[in-house]
Every structure is written in structure tokens, then in C-alpha cells.
Amino acid sequence: MIPPELEAMFQEIQTPVIFATVDEYPHATPMNWLWLPDEGVFWFNPAGGTRKIRLLRKNGNVCFATVEGMKKGGRGFMVWGVVERFEYGFWALGRNWRIKARMLREKSEICFDRRILRFWLTYARHPDIHYSTLPWNAAFVRIRPKRIVYWLEDQVEREVTP
């Protein structure tokens, strides 16, 4: 059972960071995400073709965290979990467009409408853009949390095992 203050934090905080170990060094990247309380899972939408994605596919263990506003002393959480589902590429975007739309609507100022599609097409033609950041190369990762540590303004750590 997720406590109400943690549920509120999942709804209010926008940018968690997903972690992976690359060549024995930690690596972290902010990305699109969504918490689905009725299913008790997180969805992430990272860029495909990266080392982090290869490690997630190979290992299946994941850790992600955030601190509100990325400021010392803010509320935050850290989640350890396992990958339940991993989809990649154009068809994954088609199958998960509702998840992507909710991510953009609830966690971004961009929102989701036809303008974003026009932006993606323009973005795809830019010579300096890496292919892995294009939406049809995106991965959709469904994560089941196993352990969550969180803290509020009082900085006291609390632990939940859903």
C-alpha cells in the first residue's frame, strides 16, 4: 500500500532520474515517466539505443529517484524495481500512445497534440539530433516497484514495500 503523501509526491514531482551502472560507474538521465496507481506500476519512456537501455534489457533491475526541484532539502523518493515489460521502436509508440499522451499531459508543459507531431518531424531532420532521441526509437518500460524509500520536508526516511 502506497501512503497518501507518497502518492501525492508521485503526482506533483515531474522529473525522476533513472540510474544504471555503465562500466562500473553510475549513470543517470532524466526522462518521461508516469505512475499508474490503479496498476501499481511506473512507465518510463527513455530514448532507445543507449547503454542504459541495453543494460535494462539485459539485467531487468532498475533504480530511479528524484528530489523535488533538484534542491537539497526537498521532498524526494528512490524506487528499486524490476522491468515487467519492455517495448521498443515505432510499434511501441503506437501501442503506448495513451501512456505517452498522459506522460506529456501530466508531467510536462509540452502537452500532446498535433503540434508535437509536427515538432517531431522537424526535429528528425535536424543534422545535430541523435537518432535515439526520436520518438519512434523510444522505449516504453513498465516497472513494478519492489522497495521505495521517500522523505518529506522533515528529511526523515520512510520505507514502503508495495
C-alpha atoms as a PDB file:
ATOM      1  CA  MET A   1       0.000   0.000   0.000  1.00  0.00           C
ATOM      2  CA  ILE A   2       1.386   3.359  -1.046  1.00  0.00           C
ATOM      3  CA  PRO A   3       0.924   6.065   1.643  1.00  0.00           C
ATOM      4  CA  PRO A   4      -1.110   9.143   0.590  1.00  0.00           C
ATOM      5  CA  GLU A   5       1.860  11.521   0.993  1.00  0.00           C
ATOM      6  CA  LEU A   6       3.915   9.368  -1.411  1.00  0.00           C
ATOM      7  CA  GLU A   7       1.028   9.179  -3.902  1.00  0.00           C
ATOM      8  CA  ALA A   8       0.844  12.982  -3.790  1.00  0.00           C
ATOM      9  CA  MET A   9       4.572  13.207  -4.423  1.00  0.00           C
ATOM     10  CA  PHE A  10       4.271  10.892  -7.464  1.00  0.00           C
ATOM     11  CA  GLN A  11       1.637  13.244  -8.877  1.00  0.00           C
ATOM     12  CA  GLU A  12       3.435  16.510  -8.076  1.00  0.00           C
ATOM     13  CA  ILE A  13       7.105  15.844  -8.852  1.00  0.00           C
ATOM     14  CA  GLN A  14       7.833  15.939 -12.561  1.00  0.00           C
ATOM     15  CA  THR A  15      11.319  14.674 -13.351  1.00  0.00           C
ATOM     16  CA  PRO A  16      12.703  11.475 -11.877  1.00  0.00           C
ATOM     17  CA  VAL A  17      16.070  10.201 -12.954  1.00  0.00           C
ATOM     18  CA  ILE A  18      16.756   6.608 -13.954  1.00  0.00           C
ATOM     19  CA  PHE A  19      20.062   5.068 -12.919  1.00  0.00           C
ATOM     20  CA  ALA A  20      22.258   2.407 -14.462  1.00  0.00           C
ATOM     21  CA  THR A  21      25.812   1.264 -13.968  1.00  0.00           C
ATOM     22  CA  VAL A  22      27.997   1.735 -17.027  1.00  0.00           C
ATOM     23  CA  ASP A  23      31.498   0.254 -16.875  1.00  0.00           C
ATOM     24  CA  GLU A  24      31.297   0.248 -13.051  1.00  0.00           C
ATOM     25  CA  TYR A  25      30.372   3.964 -12.939  1.00  0.00           C
ATOM     26  CA  PRO A  26      26.890   5.280 -12.101  1.00  0.00           C
ATOM     27  CA  HIS A  27      24.973   6.898 -14.940  1.00  0.00           C
ATOM     28  CA  ALA A  28      21.745   8.876 -14.577  1.00  0.00           C
ATOM     29  CA  THR A  29      19.329  10.525 -17.012  1.00  0.00           C
ATOM     30  CA  PRO A  30      16.057  12.428 -16.502  1.00  0.00           C
ATOM     31  CA  MET A  31      13.168  11.116 -18.586  1.00  0.00           C
ATOM     32  CA  ASN A  32       9.418  10.981 -19.171  1.00  0.00           C
ATOM     33  CA  TRP A  33       7.540   8.881 -16.644  1.00  0.00           C
ATOM     34  CA  LEU A  34       4.107   8.088 -15.285  1.00  0.00           C
ATOM     35  CA  TRP A  35       2.787   6.409 -12.120  1.00  0.00           C
ATOM     36  CA  LEU A  36      -0.383   4.350 -12.558  1.00  0.00           C
ATOM     37  CA  PRO A  37      -1.770   3.887  -9.020  1.00  0.00           C
ATOM     38  CA  ASP A  38      -4.571   1.518 -10.060  1.00  0.00           C
ATOM     39  CA  GLU A  39      -1.975  -0.921 -11.509  1.00  0.00           C
ATOM     40  CA  GLY A  40       0.811  -0.137  -9.038  1.00  0.00           C
ATOM     41  CA  VAL A  41       3.397   0.335 -11.798  1.00  0.00           C
ATOM     42  CA  PHE A  42       5.578   3.033 -13.305  1.00  0.00           C
ATOM     43  CA  TRP A  43       6.010   3.642 -17.024  1.00  0.00           C
ATOM     44  CA  PHE A  44       9.144   5.255 -18.431  1.00  0.00           C
ATOM     45  CA  ASN A  45       9.784   6.493 -21.941  1.00  0.00           C
ATOM     46  CA  PRO A  46      13.576   6.709 -22.368  1.00  0.00           C
ATOM     47  CA  ALA A  47      15.456   7.190 -25.627  1.00  0.00           C
ATOM     48  CA  GLY A  48      16.298   3.860 -27.221  1.00  0.00           C
ATOM     49  CA  GLY A  49      19.690   2.782 -28.458  1.00  0.00           C
ATOM     50  CA  THR A  50      21.514   3.889 -25.310  1.00  0.00           C
ATOM     51  CA  ARG A  51      23.746   1.916 -22.950  1.00  0.00           C
ATOM     52  CA  LYS A  52      21.182   2.379 -20.200  1.00  0.00           C
ATOM     53  CA  ILE A  53      18.519   0.666 -22.322  1.00  0.00           C
ATOM     54  CA  ARG A  54      20.845  -2.198 -23.214  1.00  0.00           C
ATOM     55  CA  LEU A  55      21.604  -2.696 -19.510  1.00  0.00           C
ATOM     56  CA  LEU A  56      17.904  -2.593 -18.568  1.00  0.00           C
ATOM     57  CA  ARG A  57      17.082  -5.203 -21.196  1.00  0.00           C
ATOM     58  CA  LYS A  58      19.973  -7.396 -20.104  1.00  0.00           C
ATOM     59  CA  ASN A  59      19.548  -7.097 -16.330  1.00  0.00           C
ATOM     60  CA  GLY A  60      15.895  -6.154 -15.692  1.00  0.00           C
ATOM     61  CA  ASN A  61      16.681  -4.374 -12.418  1.00  0.00           C
ATOM     62  CA  VAL A  62      16.084  -0.660 -12.189  1.00  0.00           C
ATOM     63  CA  CYS A  63      16.563   2.157  -9.722  1.00  0.00           C
ATOM     64  CA  PHE A  64      15.222   5.676 -10.138  1.00  0.00           C
ATOM     65  CA  ALA A  65      14.981   8.672  -7.877  1.00  0.00           C
ATOM     66  CA  THR A  66      14.300  12.364  -7.695  1.00  0.00           C
ATOM     67  CA  VAL A  67      14.443  15.289  -5.327  1.00  0.00           C
ATOM     68  CA  GLU A  68      11.796  17.980  -5.741  1.00  0.00           C
ATOM     69  CA  GLY A  69      13.261  20.839  -7.746  1.00  0.00           C
ATOM     70  CA  MET A  70      16.618  19.022  -7.607  1.00  0.00           C
ATOM     71  CA  LYS A  71      17.382  21.047  -4.471  1.00  0.00           C
ATOM     72  CA  LYS A  72      18.979  19.891  -1.253  1.00  0.00           C
ATOM     73  CA  GLY A  73      16.392  19.563   1.495  1.00  0.00           C
ATOM     74  CA  GLY A  74      13.435  18.933  -0.820  1.00  0.00           C
ATOM     75  CA  ARG A  75      10.988  16.056  -0.799  1.00  0.00           C
ATOM     76  CA  GLY A  76      12.080  13.044  -2.795  1.00  0.00           C
ATOM     77  CA  PHE A  77      11.925   9.328  -3.395  1.00  0.00           C
ATOM     78  CA  MET A  78      14.034   6.417  -4.581  1.00  0.00           C
ATOM     79  CA  VAL A  79      12.482   3.303  -6.094  1.00  0.00           C
ATOM     80  CA  TRP A  80      14.010  -0.126  -6.684  1.00  0.00           C
ATOM     81  CA  GLY A  81      12.084  -2.361  -9.031  1.00  0.00           C
ATOM     82  CA  VAL A  82      12.062  -4.829 -11.898  1.00  0.00           C
ATOM     83  CA  VAL A  83      11.184  -4.411 -15.558  1.00  0.00           C
ATOM     84  CA  GLU A  84       7.879  -6.150 -16.303  1.00  0.00           C
ATOM     85  CA  ARG A  85       7.550  -5.097 -19.902  1.00  0.00           C
ATOM     86  CA  PHE A  86       9.925  -3.606 -22.422  1.00  0.00           C
ATOM     87  CA  GLU A  87       8.869  -2.348 -25.839  1.00  0.00           C
ATOM     88  CA  TYR A  88      10.969  -0.538 -28.398  1.00  0.00           C
ATOM     89  CA  GLY A  89      10.510   1.319 -31.667  1.00  0.00           C
ATOM     90  CA  PHE A  90       7.730   2.667 -33.845  1.00  0.00           C
ATOM     91  CA  TRP A  91       5.175  -0.021 -32.962  1.00  0.00           C
ATOM     92  CA  ALA A  92       5.806   0.511 -29.253  1.00  0.00           C
ATOM     93  CA  LEU A  93       4.965   4.198 -29.713  1.00  0.00           C
ATOM     94  CA  GLY A  94       1.742   3.211 -31.497  1.00  0.00           C
ATOM     95  CA  ARG A  95       0.730   0.683 -28.841  1.00  0.00           C
ATOM     96  CA  ASN A  96       1.549   3.022 -25.968  1.00  0.00           C
ATOM     97  CA  TRP A  97       0.364   6.377 -27.328  1.00  0.00           C
ATOM     98  CA  ARG A  98      -2.110   6.749 -24.434  1.00  0.00           C
ATOM     99  CA  ILE A  99       0.720   6.321 -21.910  1.00  0.00           C
ATOM    100  CA  LYS A 100       2.865   8.838 -23.842  1.00  0.00           C
ATOM    101  CA  ALA A 101      -0.022  11.315 -24.026  1.00  0.00           C
ATOM    102  CA  ARG A 102      -0.613  11.045 -20.260  1.00  0.00           C
ATOM    103  CA  MET A 103       3.115  11.489 -19.582  1.00  0.00           C
ATOM    104  CA  LEU A 104       3.194  14.676 -21.622  1.00  0.00           C
ATOM    105  CA  ARG A 105      -0.113  15.968 -20.255  1.00  0.00           C
ATOM    106  CA  GLU A 106       0.600  15.243 -16.574  1.00  0.00           C
ATOM    107  CA  LYS A 107       4.380  15.593 -16.324  1.00  0.00           C
ATOM    108  CA  SER A 108       5.305  18.130 -18.997  1.00  0.00           C
ATOM    109  CA  GLU A 109       4.445  21.632 -20.103  1.00  0.00           C
ATOM    110  CA  ILE A 110       4.501  20.474 -23.745  1.00  0.00           C
ATOM    111  CA  CYS A 111       1.158  18.584 -23.654  1.00  0.00           C
ATOM    112  CA  PHE A 112       0.217  16.251 -26.505  1.00  0.00           C
ATOM    113  CA  ASP A 113      -1.454  17.400 -29.689  1.00  0.00           C
ATOM    114  CA  ARG A 114      -0.749  17.655 -33.421  1.00  0.00           C
ATOM    115  CA  ARG A 115       1.845  20.368 -32.837  1.00  0.00           C
ATOM    116  CA  ILE A 116       4.102  17.865 -31.078  1.00  0.00           C
ATOM    117  CA  LEU A 117       3.927  15.573 -34.123  1.00  0.00           C
ATOM    118  CA  ARG A 118       4.952  18.475 -36.370  1.00  0.00           C
ATOM    119  CA  PHE A 119       7.787  19.261 -33.961  1.00  0.00           C
ATOM    120  CA  TRP A 120       8.996  15.636 -34.062  1.00  0.00           C
ATOM    121  CA  LEU A 121       9.073  15.630 -37.871  1.00  0.00           C
ATOM    122  CA  THR A 122      11.097  18.851 -37.918  1.00  0.00           C
ATOM    123  CA  TYR A 123      13.304  17.558 -35.111  1.00  0.00           C
ATOM    124  CA  ALA A 124      14.012  14.342 -37.045  1.00  0.00           C
ATOM    125  CA  ARG A 125      15.506  16.293 -39.991  1.00  0.00           C
ATOM    126  CA  HIS A 126      17.929  18.285 -37.871  1.00  0.00           C
ATOM    127  CA  PRO A 127      21.534  17.138 -38.544  1.00  0.00           C
ATOM    128  CA  ASP A 128      22.673  17.510 -34.924  1.00  0.00           C
ATOM    129  CA  ILE A 129      19.979  15.287 -33.400  1.00  0.00           C
ATOM    130  CA  HIS A 130      20.990  11.784 -32.351  1.00  0.00           C
ATOM    131  CA  TYR A 131      18.665   9.116 -33.749  1.00  0.00           C
ATOM    132  CA  SER A 132      17.992   7.590 -30.320  1.00  0.00           C
ATOM    133  CA  THR A 133      16.098  10.695 -29.158  1.00  0.00           C
ATOM    134  CA  LEU A 134      13.460  10.441 -31.891  1.00  0.00           C
ATOM    135  CA  PRO A 135      10.067   9.247 -30.665  1.00  0.00           C
ATOM    136  CA  TRP A 136       9.871   6.231 -32.987  1.00  0.00           C
ATOM    137  CA  ASN A 137      13.158   4.989 -31.482  1.00  0.00           C
ATOM    138  CA  ALA A 138      11.807   5.351 -27.964  1.00  0.00           C
ATOM    139  CA  ALA A 139      11.458   2.534 -25.498  1.00  0.00           C
ATOM    140  CA  PHE A 140       8.484   2.009 -23.202  1.00  0.00           C
ATOM    141  CA  VAL A 141       9.403   0.338 -19.939  1.00  0.00           C
ATOM    142  CA  ARG A 142       6.876  -0.854 -17.364  1.00  0.00           C
ATOM    143  CA  ILE A 143       8.396  -1.189 -13.892  1.00  0.00           C
ATOM    144  CA  ARG A 144       6.978  -2.930 -10.837  1.00  0.00           C
ATOM    145  CA  PRO A 145       8.355  -1.302  -7.649  1.00  0.00           C
ATOM    146  CA  LYS A 146       9.775  -3.658  -5.012  1.00  0.00           C
ATOM    147  CA  ARG A 147      11.070  -1.118  -2.483  1.00  0.00           C
ATOM    148  CA  ILE A 148      10.509   2.629  -2.115  1.00  0.00           C
ATOM    149  CA  VAL A 149      12.363   4.967   0.201  1.00  0.00           C
ATOM    150  CA  TYR A 150      10.994   8.509   0.444  1.00  0.00           C
ATOM    151  CA  TRP A 151      11.395  11.610   2.542  1.00  0.00           C
ATOM    152  CA  LEU A 152       9.292  14.708   3.101  1.00  0.00           C
ATOM    153  CA  GLU A 153      10.351  18.202   4.175  1.00  0.00           C
ATOM    154  CA  ASP A 154      11.433  16.816   7.566  1.00  0.00           C
ATOM    155  CA  GLN A 155      14.119  14.711   5.770  1.00  0.00           C
ATOM    156  CA  VAL A 156      13.175  11.571   7.749  1.00  0.00           C
ATOM    157  CA  GLU A 157      13.478   8.468   5.573  1.00  0.00           C
ATOM    158  CA  ARG A 158      10.431   6.246   5.311  1.00  0.00           C
ATOM    159  CA  GLU A 159      10.288   2.889   3.558  1.00  0.00           C
ATOM    160  CA  VAL A 160       7.481   1.110   1.705  1.00  0.00           C
ATOM    161  CA  THR A 161       7.424  -2.355   0.164  1.00  0.00           C
ATOM    162  CA  PRO A 162       4.391  -2.389  -2.164  1.00  0.00           C
END
